[in-house]
Amino acid sequence: MFVVKNAWKSVTRNKGRNILVIIIVTIIAIAATIGLSIRQAATTARNTGLENTTVTAQISLDREKLISESRNQFEWFRRIRRFRPVW
């Protein structure tokens, strides 16, 4: 019983300090709660966004363009090979 009486006297004796401690603890608790709720909301938004995102793309090869560029390149190499500088 002595410990409880002594603790209660300490609480009532330093009212200003105890009120300040209670305010600080309350502010820290509120900040932690807000931070956790923001983190959870961000995770939920990210997961929802990823679920709603659909990728619709198709990669194809334009064979006609590839063949025509290949022919043009072949012709260019033939012209270079025929070219003989005159010294």
PDB file of N, CA and C in Angstrom:
ATOM      1  N   MET A   1       0.817  -1.191   0.000  1.00  0.00           N
ATOM      2  CA  MET A   1       0.000   0.000   0.000  1.00  0.00           C
ATOM      3  C   MET A   1       0.867   1.264   0.000  1.00  0.00           C
ATOM      4  N   PHE A   2       2.033   1.167   0.599  1.00  0.00           N
ATOM      5  CA  PHE A   2       2.937   2.314   0.651  1.00  0.00           C
ATOM      6  C   PHE A   2       3.337   2.764  -0.749  1.00  0.00           C
ATOM      7  N   VAL A   3       3.581   1.796  -1.649  1.00  0.00           N
ATOM      8  CA  VAL A   3       4.011   2.131  -3.011  1.00  0.00           C
ATOM      9  C   VAL A   3       2.915   2.894  -3.737  1.00  0.00           C
ATOM     10  N   VAL A   4       1.686   2.459  -3.590  1.00  0.00           N
ATOM     11  CA  VAL A   4       0.567   3.118  -4.271  1.00  0.00           C
ATOM     12  C   VAL A   4       0.371   4.527  -3.724  1.00  0.00           C
ATOM     13  N   LYS A   5       0.424   4.707  -2.424  1.00  0.00           N
ATOM     14  CA  LYS A   5       0.266   6.039  -1.818  1.00  0.00           C
ATOM     15  C   LYS A   5       1.395   6.974  -2.254  1.00  0.00           C
ATOM     16  N   ASN A   6       2.590   6.439  -2.302  1.00  0.00           N
ATOM     17  CA  ASN A   6       3.747   7.234  -2.708  1.00  0.00           C
ATOM     18  C   ASN A   6       3.646   7.639  -4.184  1.00  0.00           C
ATOM     19  N   ALA A   7       3.187   6.725  -5.011  1.00  0.00           N
ATOM     20  CA  ALA A   7       3.020   7.029  -6.433  1.00  0.00           C
ATOM     21  C   ALA A   7       1.940   8.082  -6.642  1.00  0.00           C
ATOM     22  N   TRP A   8       0.846   7.972  -5.917  1.00  0.00           N
ATOM     23  CA  TRP A   8      -0.242   8.941  -6.057  1.00  0.00           C
ATOM     24  C   TRP A   8       0.200  10.325  -5.600  1.00  0.00           C
ATOM     25  N   LYS A   9       0.982  10.399  -4.545  1.00  0.00           N
ATOM     26  CA  LYS A   9       1.497  11.689  -4.084  1.00  0.00           C
ATOM     27  C   LYS A   9       2.421  12.304  -5.138  1.00  0.00           C
ATOM     28  N   SER A  10       3.214  11.459  -5.801  1.00  0.00           N
ATOM     29  CA  SER A  10       4.112  11.961  -6.854  1.00  0.00           C
ATOM     30  C   SER A  10       3.314  12.511  -8.030  1.00  0.00           C
ATOM     31  N   VAL A  11       2.222  11.852  -8.363  1.00  0.00           N
ATOM     32  CA  VAL A  11       1.381  12.316  -9.472  1.00  0.00           C
ATOM     33  C   VAL A  11       0.721  13.634  -9.122  1.00  0.00           C
ATOM     34  N   THR A  12       0.181  13.739  -7.928  1.00  0.00           N
ATOM     35  CA  THR A  12      -0.530  14.968  -7.559  1.00  0.00           C
ATOM     36  C   THR A  12       0.415  16.113  -7.230  1.00  0.00           C
ATOM     37  N   ARG A  13       1.616  15.813  -6.839  1.00  0.00           N
ATOM     38  CA  ARG A  13       2.578  16.853  -6.470  1.00  0.00           C
ATOM     39  C   ARG A  13       3.100  17.584  -7.712  1.00  0.00           C
ATOM     40  N   ASN A  14       3.332  16.885  -8.843  1.00  0.00           N
ATOM     41  CA  ASN A  14       3.896  17.482 -10.059  1.00  0.00           C
ATOM     42  C   ASN A  14       2.845  17.488 -11.175  1.00  0.00           C
ATOM     43  N   LYS A  15       1.786  18.257 -10.973  1.00  0.00           N
ATOM     44  CA  LYS A  15       0.679  18.263 -11.927  1.00  0.00           C
ATOM     45  C   LYS A  15       1.097  18.790 -13.293  1.00  0.00           C
ATOM     46  N   GLY A  16       1.858  19.870 -13.321  1.00  0.00           N
ATOM     47  CA  GLY A  16       2.272  20.459 -14.594  1.00  0.00           C
ATOM     48  C   GLY A  16       3.111  19.505 -15.425  1.00  0.00           C
ATOM     49  N   ARG A  17       4.064  18.850 -14.790  1.00  0.00           N
ATOM     50  CA  ARG A  17       4.925  17.894 -15.504  1.00  0.00           C
ATOM     51  C   ARG A  17       4.111  16.713 -16.018  1.00  0.00           C
ATOM     52  N   ASN A  18       3.190  16.222 -15.208  1.00  0.00           N
ATOM     53  CA  ASN A  18       2.383  15.071 -15.608  1.00  0.00           C
ATOM     54  C   ASN A  18       1.437  15.409 -16.758  1.00  0.00           C
ATOM     55  N   ILE A  19       0.866  16.606 -16.716  1.00  0.00           N
ATOM     56  CA  ILE A  19       0.005  17.030 -17.829  1.00  0.00           C
ATOM     57  C   ILE A  19       0.819  17.144 -19.110  1.00  0.00           C
ATOM     58  N   LEU A  20       2.020  17.682 -18.993  1.00  0.00           N
ATOM     59  CA  LEU A  20       2.896  17.797 -20.156  1.00  0.00           C
ATOM     60  C   LEU A  20       3.259  16.420 -20.713  1.00  0.00           C
ATOM     61  N   VAL A  21       3.547  15.468 -19.862  1.00  0.00           N
ATOM     62  CA  VAL A  21       3.864  14.100 -20.302  1.00  0.00           C
ATOM     63  C   VAL A  21       2.655  13.471 -20.988  1.00  0.00           C
ATOM     64  N   ILE A  22       1.472  13.679 -20.420  1.00  0.00           N
ATOM     65  CA  ILE A  22       0.251  13.126 -21.025  1.00  0.00           C
ATOM     66  C   ILE A  22       0.017  13.728 -22.407  1.00  0.00           C
ATOM     67  N   ILE A  23       0.226  15.028 -22.544  1.00  0.00           N
ATOM     68  CA  ILE A  23       0.051  15.689 -23.851  1.00  0.00           C
ATOM     69  C   ILE A  23       1.047  15.145 -24.863  1.00  0.00           C
ATOM     70  N   ILE A  24       2.297  14.995 -24.456  1.00  0.00           N
ATOM     71  CA  ILE A  24       3.326  14.496 -25.377  1.00  0.00           C
ATOM     72  C   ILE A  24       3.020  13.064 -25.803  1.00  0.00           C
ATOM     73  N   VAL A  25       2.640  12.221 -24.860  1.00  0.00           N
ATOM     74  CA  VAL A  25       2.304  10.826 -25.192  1.00  0.00           C
ATOM     75  C   VAL A  25       1.100  10.775 -26.122  1.00  0.00           C
ATOM     76  N   THR A  26       0.126  11.625 -25.884  1.00  0.00           N
ATOM     77  CA  THR A  26      -1.060  11.671 -26.753  1.00  0.00           C
ATOM     78  C   THR A  26      -0.687  12.097 -28.170  1.00  0.00           C
ATOM     79  N   ILE A  27       0.161  13.113 -28.290  1.00  0.00           N
ATOM     80  CA  ILE A  27       0.589  13.573 -29.616  1.00  0.00           C
ATOM     81  C   ILE A  27       1.350  12.471 -30.349  1.00  0.00           C
ATOM     82  N   ILE A  28       2.223  11.770 -29.651  1.00  0.00           N
ATOM     83  CA  ILE A  28       2.979  10.681 -30.281  1.00  0.00           C
ATOM     84  C   ILE A  28       2.046   9.560 -30.715  1.00  0.00           C
ATOM     85  N   ALA A  29       1.068   9.227 -29.891  1.00  0.00           N
ATOM     86  CA  ALA A  29       0.114   8.170 -30.243  1.00  0.00           C
ATOM     87  C   ALA A  29      -0.720   8.564 -31.465  1.00  0.00           C
ATOM     88  N   ILE A  30      -1.158   9.817 -31.496  1.00  0.00           N
ATOM     89  CA  ILE A  30      -1.944  10.288 -32.648  1.00  0.00           C
ATOM     90  C   ILE A  30      -1.094  10.276 -33.919  1.00  0.00           C
ATOM     91  N   ALA A  31       0.147  10.721 -33.823  1.00  0.00           N
ATOM     92  CA  ALA A  31       1.028  10.732 -34.996  1.00  0.00           C
ATOM     93  C   ALA A  31       1.291   9.321 -35.499  1.00  0.00           C
ATOM     94  N   ALA A  32       1.503   8.383 -34.567  1.00  0.00           N
ATOM     95  CA  ALA A  32       1.731   6.992 -34.972  1.00  0.00           C
ATOM     96  C   ALA A  32       0.493   6.407 -35.638  1.00  0.00           C
ATOM     97  N   THR A  33      -0.672   6.704 -35.103  1.00  0.00           N
ATOM     98  CA  THR A  33      -1.922   6.210 -35.690  1.00  0.00           C
ATOM     99  C   THR A  33      -2.133   6.768 -37.088  1.00  0.00           C
ATOM    100  N   ILE A  34      -1.896   8.050 -37.252  1.00  0.00           N
ATOM    101  CA  ILE A  34      -2.054   8.678 -38.572  1.00  0.00           C
ATOM    102  C   ILE A  34      -1.038   8.101 -39.559  1.00  0.00           C
ATOM    103  N   GLY A  35       0.194   7.918 -39.115  1.00  0.00           N
ATOM    104  CA  GLY A  35       1.217   7.352 -39.991  1.00  0.00           C
ATOM    105  C   GLY A  35       0.874   5.944 -40.436  1.00  0.00           C
ATOM    106  N   LEU A  36       0.401   5.128 -39.530  1.00  0.00           N
ATOM    107  CA  LEU A  36       0.023   3.759 -39.896  1.00  0.00           C
ATOM    108  C   LEU A  36      -1.177   3.735 -40.832  1.00  0.00           C
ATOM    109  N   SER A  37      -2.130   4.630 -40.615  1.00  0.00           N
ATOM    110  CA  SER A  37      -3.296   4.658 -41.506  1.00  0.00           C
ATOM    111  C   SER A  37      -2.903   5.124 -42.902  1.00  0.00           C
ATOM    112  N   ILE A  38      -1.982   6.084 -42.997  1.00  0.00           N
ATOM    113  CA  ILE A  38      -1.505   6.536 -44.308  1.00  0.00           C
ATOM    114  C   ILE A  38      -0.772   5.407 -45.008  1.00  0.00           C
ATOM    115  N   ARG A  39       0.047   4.680 -44.267  1.00  0.00           N
ATOM    116  CA  ARG A  39       0.796   3.562 -44.862  1.00  0.00           C
ATOM    117  C   ARG A  39      -0.157   2.489 -45.377  1.00  0.00           C
ATOM    118  N   GLN A  40      -1.169   2.160 -44.598  1.00  0.00           N
ATOM    119  CA  GLN A  40      -2.129   1.142 -45.021  1.00  0.00           C
ATOM    120  C   GLN A  40      -2.931   1.619 -46.230  1.00  0.00           C
ATOM    121  N   ALA A  41      -3.312   2.888 -46.244  1.00  0.00           N
ATOM    122  CA  ALA A  41      -4.053   3.426 -47.388  1.00  0.00           C
ATOM    123  C   ALA A  41      -3.196   3.394 -48.641  1.00  0.00           C
ATOM    124  N   ALA A  42      -1.915   3.697 -48.524  1.00  0.00           N
ATOM    125  CA  ALA A  42      -1.025   3.662 -49.681  1.00  0.00           C
ATOM    126  C   ALA A  42      -0.865   2.239 -50.204  1.00  0.00           C
ATOM    127  N   THR A  43      -0.737   1.284 -49.292  1.00  0.00           N
ATOM    128  CA  THR A  43      -0.618  -0.116 -49.711  1.00  0.00           C
ATOM    129  C   THR A  43      -1.888  -0.585 -50.394  1.00  0.00           C
ATOM    130  N   THR A  44      -3.032  -0.216 -49.840  1.00  0.00           N
ATOM    131  CA  THR A  44      -4.309  -0.599 -50.445  1.00  0.00           C
ATOM    132  C   THR A  44      -4.465   0.031 -51.825  1.00  0.00           C
ATOM    133  N   ALA A  45      -4.108   1.300 -51.950  1.00  0.00           N
ATOM    134  CA  ALA A  45      -4.214   1.980 -53.247  1.00  0.00           C
ATOM    135  C   ALA A  45      -3.274   1.350 -54.269  1.00  0.00           C
ATOM    136  N   ARG A  46      -2.085   0.996 -53.838  1.00  0.00           N
ATOM    137  CA  ARG A  46      -1.123   0.363 -54.748  1.00  0.00           C
ATOM    138  C   ARG A  46      -1.650  -0.979 -55.232  1.00  0.00           C
ATOM    139  N   ASN A  47      -2.139  -1.800 -54.306  1.00  0.00           N
ATOM    140  CA  ASN A  47      -2.652  -3.118 -54.690  1.00  0.00           C
ATOM    141  C   ASN A  47      -3.867  -2.999 -55.598  1.00  0.00           C
ATOM    142  N   THR A  48      -4.748  -2.064 -55.302  1.00  0.00           N
ATOM    143  CA  THR A  48      -5.923  -1.860 -56.141  1.00  0.00           C
ATOM    144  C   THR A  48      -5.513  -1.384 -57.530  1.00  0.00           C
ATOM    145  N   GLY A  49      -4.558  -0.475 -57.580  1.00  0.00           N
ATOM    146  CA  GLY A  49      -4.081   0.012 -58.874  1.00  0.00           C
ATOM    147  C   GLY A  49      -3.436  -1.082 -59.696  1.00  0.00           C
ATOM    148  N   LEU A  50      -2.663  -1.931 -59.056  1.00  0.00           N
ATOM    149  CA  LEU A  50      -2.026  -3.030 -59.786  1.00  0.00           C
ATOM    150  C   LEU A  50      -3.044  -4.055 -60.267  1.00  0.00           C
ATOM    151  N   GLU A  51      -4.078  -4.283 -59.472  1.00  0.00           N
ATOM    152  CA  GLU A  51      -5.117  -5.228 -59.897  1.00  0.00           C
ATOM    153  C   GLU A  51      -5.907  -4.683 -61.080  1.00  0.00           C
ATOM    154  N   ASN A  52      -6.132  -3.383 -61.110  1.00  0.00           N
ATOM    155  CA  ASN A  52      -6.932  -2.783 -62.179  1.00  0.00           C
ATOM    156  C   ASN A  52      -6.126  -2.502 -63.437  1.00  0.00           C
ATOM    157  N   THR A  53      -4.827  -2.617 -63.343  1.00  0.00           N
ATOM    158  CA  THR A  53      -3.995  -2.342 -64.502  1.00  0.00           C
ATOM    159  C   THR A  53      -3.919  -3.584 -65.378  1.00  0.00           C
ATOM    160  N   THR A  54      -4.257  -3.398 -66.622  1.00  0.00           N
ATOM    161  CA  THR A  54      -4.136  -4.499 -67.577  1.00  0.00           C
ATOM    162  C   THR A  54      -3.196  -4.065 -68.686  1.00  0.00           C
ATOM    163  N   VAL A  55      -2.346  -4.966 -69.059  1.00  0.00           N
ATOM    164  CA  VAL A  55      -1.394  -4.679 -70.113  1.00  0.00           C
ATOM    165  C   VAL A  55      -1.918  -5.324 -71.386  1.00  0.00           C
ATOM    166  N   THR A  56      -2.199  -4.499 -72.352  1.00  0.00           N
ATOM    167  CA  THR A  56      -2.643  -5.010 -73.646  1.00  0.00           C
ATOM    168  C   THR A  56      -1.699  -4.456 -74.690  1.00  0.00           C
ATOM    169  N   ALA A  57      -0.731  -5.233 -75.017  1.00  0.00           N
ATOM    170  CA  ALA A  57       0.251  -4.822 -76.004  1.00  0.00           C
ATOM    171  C   ALA A  57       0.616  -6.028 -76.857  1.00  0.00           C
ATOM    172  N   GLN A  58       1.012  -5.737 -78.064  1.00  0.00           N
ATOM    173  CA  GLN A  58       1.419  -6.805 -78.951  1.00  0.00           C
ATOM    174  C   GLN A  58       2.653  -6.339 -79.700  1.00  0.00           C
ATOM    175  N   ILE A  59       3.659  -7.165 -79.671  1.00  0.00           N
ATOM    176  CA  ILE A  59       4.893  -6.858 -80.377  1.00  0.00           C
ATOM    177  C   ILE A  59       4.914  -7.713 -81.621  1.00  0.00           C
ATOM    178  N   SER A  60       5.053  -7.059 -82.756  1.00  0.00           N
ATOM    179  CA  SER A  60       5.085  -7.806 -84.011  1.00  0.00           C
ATOM    180  C   SER A  60       6.220  -7.291 -84.874  1.00  0.00           C
ATOM    181  N   LEU A  61       6.551  -8.056 -85.859  1.00  0.00           N
ATOM    182  CA  LEU A  61       7.655  -7.739 -86.749  1.00  0.00           C
ATOM    183  C   LEU A  61       7.091  -7.420 -88.131  1.00  0.00           C
ATOM    184  N   ASP A  62       7.483  -6.281 -88.672  1.00  0.00           N
ATOM    185  CA  ASP A  62       7.056  -5.900 -90.010  1.00  0.00           C
ATOM    186  C   ASP A  62       8.037  -6.522 -91.001  1.00  0.00           C
ATOM    187  N   ARG A  63       7.662  -7.685 -91.524  1.00  0.00           N
ATOM    188  CA  ARG A  63       8.575  -8.443 -92.378  1.00  0.00           C
ATOM    189  C   ARG A  63       8.860  -7.724 -93.702  1.00  0.00           C
ATOM    190  N   GLU A  64       7.857  -7.062 -94.240  1.00  0.00           N
ATOM    191  CA  GLU A  64       8.072  -6.363 -95.515  1.00  0.00           C
ATOM    192  C   GLU A  64       9.107  -5.249 -95.344  1.00  0.00           C
ATOM    193  N   LYS A  65       8.994  -4.498 -94.292  1.00  0.00           N
ATOM    194  CA  LYS A  65       9.948  -3.426 -94.044  1.00  0.00           C
ATOM    195  C   LYS A  65      11.336  -3.996 -93.797  1.00  0.00           C
ATOM    196  N   LEU A  66      11.416  -5.089 -93.077  1.00  0.00           N
ATOM    197  CA  LEU A  66      12.700  -5.724 -92.807  1.00  0.00           C
ATOM    198  C   LEU A  66      13.359  -6.199 -94.098  1.00  0.00           C
ATOM    199  N   ILE A  67      12.572  -6.793 -94.971  1.00  0.00           N
ATOM    200  CA  ILE A  67      13.124  -7.283 -96.245  1.00  0.00           C
ATOM    201  C   ILE A  67      13.566  -6.120 -97.114  1.00  0.00           C
ATOM    202  N   SER A  68      12.761  -5.055 -97.192  1.00  0.00           N
ATOM    203  CA  SER A  68      13.138  -3.921 -98.043  1.00  0.00           C
ATOM    204  C   SER A  68      14.398  -3.238 -97.507  1.00  0.00           C
ATOM    205  N   GLU A  69      14.517  -3.085 -96.178  1.00  0.00           N
ATOM    206  CA  GLU A  69      15.730  -2.491 -95.619  1.00  0.00           C
ATOM    207  C   GLU A  69      16.941  -3.384 -95.851  1.00  0.00           C
ATOM    208  N   SER A  70      16.716  -4.671 -95.780  1.00  0.00           N
ATOM    209  CA  SER A  70      17.810  -5.604 -96.026  1.00  0.00           C
ATOM    210  C   SER A  70      18.286  -5.490 -97.475  1.00  0.00           C
ATOM    211  N   ARG A  71      17.358  -5.367 -98.413  1.00  0.00           N
ATOM    212  CA  ARG A  71      17.743  -5.216 -99.832  1.00  0.00           C
ATOM    213  C   ARG A  71      18.491  -3.906-100.053  1.00  0.00           C
ATOM    214  N   ASN A  72      17.994  -2.840 -99.435  1.00  0.00           N
ATOM    215  CA  ASN A  72      18.666  -1.545 -99.580  1.00  0.00           C
ATOM    216  C   ASN A  72      20.078  -1.599 -99.013  1.00  0.00           C
ATOM    217  N   GLN A  73      20.231  -2.257 -97.909  1.00  0.00           N
ATOM    218  CA  GLN A  73      21.549  -2.376 -97.300  1.00  0.00           C
ATOM    219  C   GLN A  73      22.472  -3.227 -98.177  1.00  0.00           C
ATOM    220  N   PHE A  74      21.928  -4.272 -98.756  1.00  0.00           N
ATOM    221  CA  PHE A  74      22.716  -5.127 -99.630  1.00  0.00           C
ATOM    222  C   PHE A  74      23.184  -4.342-100.860  1.00  0.00           C
ATOM    223  N   GLU A  75      22.277  -3.549-101.425  1.00  0.00           N
ATOM    224  CA  GLU A  75      22.647  -2.721-102.574  1.00  0.00           C
ATOM    225  C   GLU A  75      23.727  -1.720-102.188  1.00  0.00           C
ATOM    226  N   TRP A  76      23.652  -1.151-101.036  1.00  0.00           N
ATOM    227  CA  TRP A  76      24.631  -0.180-100.570  1.00  0.00           C
ATOM    228  C   TRP A  76      26.001  -0.836-100.424  1.00  0.00           C
ATOM    229  N   PHE A  77      26.035  -2.045 -99.879  1.00  0.00           N
ATOM    230  CA  PHE A  77      27.305  -2.753 -99.744  1.00  0.00           C
ATOM    231  C   PHE A  77      27.887  -3.114-101.123  1.00  0.00           C
ATOM    232  N   ARG A  78      27.023  -3.474-102.067  1.00  0.00           N
ATOM    233  CA  ARG A  78      27.516  -3.794-103.419  1.00  0.00           C
ATOM    234  C   ARG A  78      28.134  -2.567-104.071  1.00  0.00           C
ATOM    235  N   ARG A  79      27.516  -1.418-103.889  1.00  0.00           N
ATOM    236  CA  ARG A  79      28.063  -0.196-104.476  1.00  0.00           C
ATOM    237  C   ARG A  79      29.421   0.148-103.859  1.00  0.00           C
ATOM    238  N   ILE A  80      29.519  -0.018-102.549  1.00  0.00           N
ATOM    239  CA  ILE A  80      30.790   0.281-101.877  1.00  0.00           C
ATOM    240  C   ILE A  80      31.879  -0.665-102.358  1.00  0.00           C
ATOM    241  N   ARG A  81      31.547  -1.912-102.553  1.00  0.00           N
ATOM    242  CA  ARG A  81      32.539  -2.889-102.977  1.00  0.00           C
ATOM    243  C   ARG A  81      33.015  -2.602-104.399  1.00  0.00           C
ATOM    244  N   ARG A  82      32.141  -2.085-105.237  1.00  0.00           N
ATOM    245  CA  ARG A  82      32.528  -1.767-106.622  1.00  0.00           C
ATOM    246  C   ARG A  82      33.375  -0.501-106.690  1.00  0.00           C
ATOM    247  N   PHE A  83      33.214   0.342-105.726  1.00  0.00           N
ATOM    248  CA  PHE A  83      33.937   1.611-105.735  1.00  0.00           C
ATOM    249  C   PHE A  83      35.425   1.358-105.498  1.00  0.00           C
ATOM    250  N   ARG A  84      36.211   1.850-106.396  1.00  0.00           N
ATOM    251  CA  ARG A  84      37.665   1.728-106.264  1.00  0.00           C
ATOM    252  C   ARG A  84      38.258   3.121-106.448  1.00  0.00           C
ATOM    253  N   PRO A  85      38.866   3.613-105.413  1.00  0.00           N
ATOM    254  CA  PRO A  85      39.442   4.953-105.520  1.00  0.00           C
ATOM    255  C   PRO A  85      40.599   4.981-106.519  1.00  0.00           C
ATOM    256  N   VAL A  86      40.740   6.062-107.212  1.00  0.00           N
ATOM    257  CA  VAL A  86      41.815   6.239-108.170  1.00  0.00           C
ATOM    258  C   VAL A  86      42.909   7.035-107.494  1.00  0.00           C
ATOM    259  N   TRP A  87      44.084   6.463-107.405  1.00  0.00           N
ATOM    260  CA  TRP A  87      45.208   7.135-106.765  1.00  0.00           C
ATOM    261  C   TRP A  87      46.153   7.597-107.771  1.00  0.00           C
TER     262      TRP A  87
END
